[in-house]
Amino acid sequence: MKIVILDGRKMTDRETAHLYLKRKLNLPEYYGKNLDALFDCLCEMNGTQIVLTYVAEMKDNLRRYANNIINVFEAAEEKNPKISFISEQLVDEL
């Protein structure tokens, strides 16, 4: 399984977040740089574990949008059994 580690500190605003996600997750050129497009791309991925680090910093930068991104990862994980998602926040809660 491929492991992709996402650094929440790199997502300083919406545009930068989507550019970073596109690069780190190797999303296709046609990626629409929005949450719906992110969900669609995640649902097509195979054999990938996504680890989100520095969640608090990401939330400081993106505010509510950070939670929206996390919700997309969680929803895609439910729909696509070929990916898994874990965030630093979840690890801290254990």
C-alpha atoms as a PDB file:
ATOM      1  CA  MET A   1       0.000   0.000   0.000  1.00  0.00           C
ATOM      2  CA  LYS A   2       1.276   3.446  -0.898  1.00  0.00           C
ATOM      3  CA  ILE A   3       1.488   5.905   2.006  1.00  0.00           C
ATOM      4  CA  VAL A   4       1.022   9.629   1.402  1.00  0.00           C
ATOM      5  CA  ILE A   5       1.819  11.971   4.272  1.00  0.00           C
ATOM      6  CA  LEU A   6       0.119  15.351   4.060  1.00  0.00           C
ATOM      7  CA  ASP A   7       1.540  18.270   6.034  1.00  0.00           C
ATOM      8  CA  GLY A   8      -1.326  20.487   7.206  1.00  0.00           C
ATOM      9  CA  ARG A   9       1.062  23.435   7.581  1.00  0.00           C
ATOM     10  CA  LYS A  10       1.426  23.548   3.799  1.00  0.00           C
ATOM     11  CA  MET A  11      -2.277  24.303   3.338  1.00  0.00           C
ATOM     12  CA  THR A  12      -2.376  28.014   4.108  1.00  0.00           C
ATOM     13  CA  ASP A  13      -5.426  28.952   2.019  1.00  0.00           C
ATOM     14  CA  ARG A  14      -7.941  27.148  -0.188  1.00  0.00           C
ATOM     15  CA  GLU A  15      -6.054  27.549  -3.448  1.00  0.00           C
ATOM     16  CA  THR A  16      -2.735  26.517  -1.956  1.00  0.00           C
ATOM     17  CA  ALA A  17      -4.412  23.561  -0.240  1.00  0.00           C
ATOM     18  CA  HIS A  18      -5.820  22.222  -3.492  1.00  0.00           C
ATOM     19  CA  LEU A  19      -2.546  22.717  -5.351  1.00  0.00           C
ATOM     20  CA  TYR A  20      -0.722  20.892  -2.563  1.00  0.00           C
ATOM     21  CA  LEU A  21      -3.257  18.050  -2.513  1.00  0.00           C
ATOM     22  CA  LYS A  22      -3.053  17.739  -6.290  1.00  0.00           C
ATOM     23  CA  ARG A  23       0.716  17.401  -6.161  1.00  0.00           C
ATOM     24  CA  LYS A  24       0.982  15.121  -3.112  1.00  0.00           C
ATOM     25  CA  LEU A  25      -1.873  12.810  -4.124  1.00  0.00           C
ATOM     26  CA  ASN A  26      -0.832  12.821  -7.782  1.00  0.00           C
ATOM     27  CA  LEU A  27      -4.311  13.922  -8.860  1.00  0.00           C
ATOM     28  CA  PRO A  28      -5.063  14.183 -12.590  1.00  0.00           C
ATOM     29  CA  GLU A  29      -4.625  17.363 -14.610  1.00  0.00           C
ATOM     30  CA  TYR A  30      -8.395  17.782 -14.861  1.00  0.00           C
ATOM     31  CA  TYR A  31      -8.692  17.960 -11.058  1.00  0.00           C
ATOM     32  CA  GLY A  32     -11.160  20.786 -10.408  1.00  0.00           C
ATOM     33  CA  LYS A  33      -9.520  22.123  -7.228  1.00  0.00           C
ATOM     34  CA  ASN A  34     -12.657  21.888  -5.110  1.00  0.00           C
ATOM     35  CA  LEU A  35     -14.073  19.498  -2.538  1.00  0.00           C
ATOM     36  CA  ASP A  36     -16.375  17.658  -4.948  1.00  0.00           C
ATOM     37  CA  ALA A  37     -13.482  17.011  -7.320  1.00  0.00           C
ATOM     38  CA  LEU A  38     -11.295  15.874  -4.412  1.00  0.00           C
ATOM     39  CA  PHE A  39     -13.958  13.392  -3.335  1.00  0.00           C
ATOM     40  CA  ASP A  40     -14.320  12.041  -6.876  1.00  0.00           C
ATOM     41  CA  CYS A  41     -10.562  11.570  -7.251  1.00  0.00           C
ATOM     42  CA  LEU A  42     -10.214   9.900  -3.848  1.00  0.00           C
ATOM     43  CA  CYS A  43     -12.990   7.475  -4.751  1.00  0.00           C
ATOM     44  CA  GLU A  44     -10.961   6.384  -7.795  1.00  0.00           C
ATOM     45  CA  MET A  45      -7.683   5.782  -5.910  1.00  0.00           C
ATOM     46  CA  ASN A  46      -6.258   2.340  -5.261  1.00  0.00           C
ATOM     47  CA  GLY A  47      -4.108   1.087  -2.422  1.00  0.00           C
ATOM     48  CA  THR A  48      -3.349   4.376  -0.717  1.00  0.00           C
ATOM     49  CA  GLN A  49      -3.101   5.299   2.932  1.00  0.00           C
ATOM     50  CA  ILE A  50      -3.372   9.048   3.535  1.00  0.00           C
ATOM     51  CA  VAL A  51      -1.913  10.430   6.748  1.00  0.00           C
ATOM     52  CA  LEU A  52      -2.678  14.041   7.638  1.00  0.00           C
ATOM     53  CA  THR A  53      -0.242  15.695  10.037  1.00  0.00           C
ATOM     54  CA  TYR A  54      -0.280  19.123  11.691  1.00  0.00           C
ATOM     55  CA  VAL A  55      -4.068  19.231  11.764  1.00  0.00           C
ATOM     56  CA  ALA A  56      -4.199  22.069  14.319  1.00  0.00           C
ATOM     57  CA  GLU A  57      -2.040  24.286  12.121  1.00  0.00           C
ATOM     58  CA  MET A  58      -4.181  23.458   9.100  1.00  0.00           C
ATOM     59  CA  LYS A  59      -7.300  24.437  11.068  1.00  0.00           C
ATOM     60  CA  ASP A  60      -5.647  27.691  12.149  1.00  0.00           C
ATOM     61  CA  ASN A  61      -4.992  28.545   8.500  1.00  0.00           C
ATOM     62  CA  LEU A  62      -8.141  27.260   6.812  1.00  0.00           C
ATOM     63  CA  ARG A  63     -10.635  27.506   9.660  1.00  0.00           C
ATOM     64  CA  ARG A  64     -13.885  25.686   8.763  1.00  0.00           C
ATOM     65  CA  TYR A  65     -12.547  24.658   5.357  1.00  0.00           C
ATOM     66  CA  ALA A  66     -10.024  22.382   7.102  1.00  0.00           C
ATOM     67  CA  ASN A  67     -12.900  20.408   8.625  1.00  0.00           C
ATOM     68  CA  ASN A  68     -14.521  20.217   5.195  1.00  0.00           C
ATOM     69  CA  ILE A  69     -11.353  18.710   3.720  1.00  0.00           C
ATOM     70  CA  ILE A  70     -11.126  16.190   6.559  1.00  0.00           C
ATOM     71  CA  ASN A  71     -14.802  15.291   6.063  1.00  0.00           C
ATOM     72  CA  VAL A  72     -14.123  14.631   2.373  1.00  0.00           C
ATOM     73  CA  PHE A  73     -11.266  12.269   3.233  1.00  0.00           C
ATOM     74  CA  GLU A  74     -13.456  10.438   5.751  1.00  0.00           C
ATOM     75  CA  ALA A  75     -16.394  10.161   3.333  1.00  0.00           C
ATOM     76  CA  ALA A  76     -14.151   8.899   0.548  1.00  0.00           C
ATOM     77  CA  GLU A  77     -12.649   6.313   2.885  1.00  0.00           C
ATOM     78  CA  GLU A  78     -16.152   5.031   3.643  1.00  0.00           C
ATOM     79  CA  LYS A  79     -17.020   4.803  -0.039  1.00  0.00           C
ATOM     80  CA  ASN A  80     -13.697   3.470  -1.327  1.00  0.00           C
ATOM     81  CA  PRO A  81     -12.313   0.472   0.597  1.00  0.00           C
ATOM     82  CA  LYS A  82      -9.043   0.787  -1.347  1.00  0.00           C
ATOM     83  CA  ILE A  83      -7.953   3.875   0.589  1.00  0.00           C
ATOM     84  CA  SER A  84      -7.525   4.638   4.252  1.00  0.00           C
ATOM     85  CA  PHE A  85      -7.278   7.951   6.051  1.00  0.00           C
ATOM     86  CA  ILE A  86      -5.840   8.849   9.411  1.00  0.00           C
ATOM     87  CA  SER A  87      -5.199  12.261  10.851  1.00  0.00           C
ATOM     88  CA  GLU A  88      -2.835  13.363  13.578  1.00  0.00           C
ATOM     89  CA  GLN A  89      -5.932  14.579  15.398  1.00  0.00           C
ATOM     90  CA  LEU A  90      -7.280  11.027  15.582  1.00  0.00           C
ATOM     91  CA  VAL A  91      -3.965   9.716  16.869  1.00  0.00           C
ATOM     92  CA  ASP A  92      -3.923  12.360  19.600  1.00  0.00           C
ATOM     93  CA  GLU A  93      -7.405  11.352  20.734  1.00  0.00           C
ATOM     94  CA  LEU A  94      -6.431   7.683  21.271  1.00  0.00           C
END
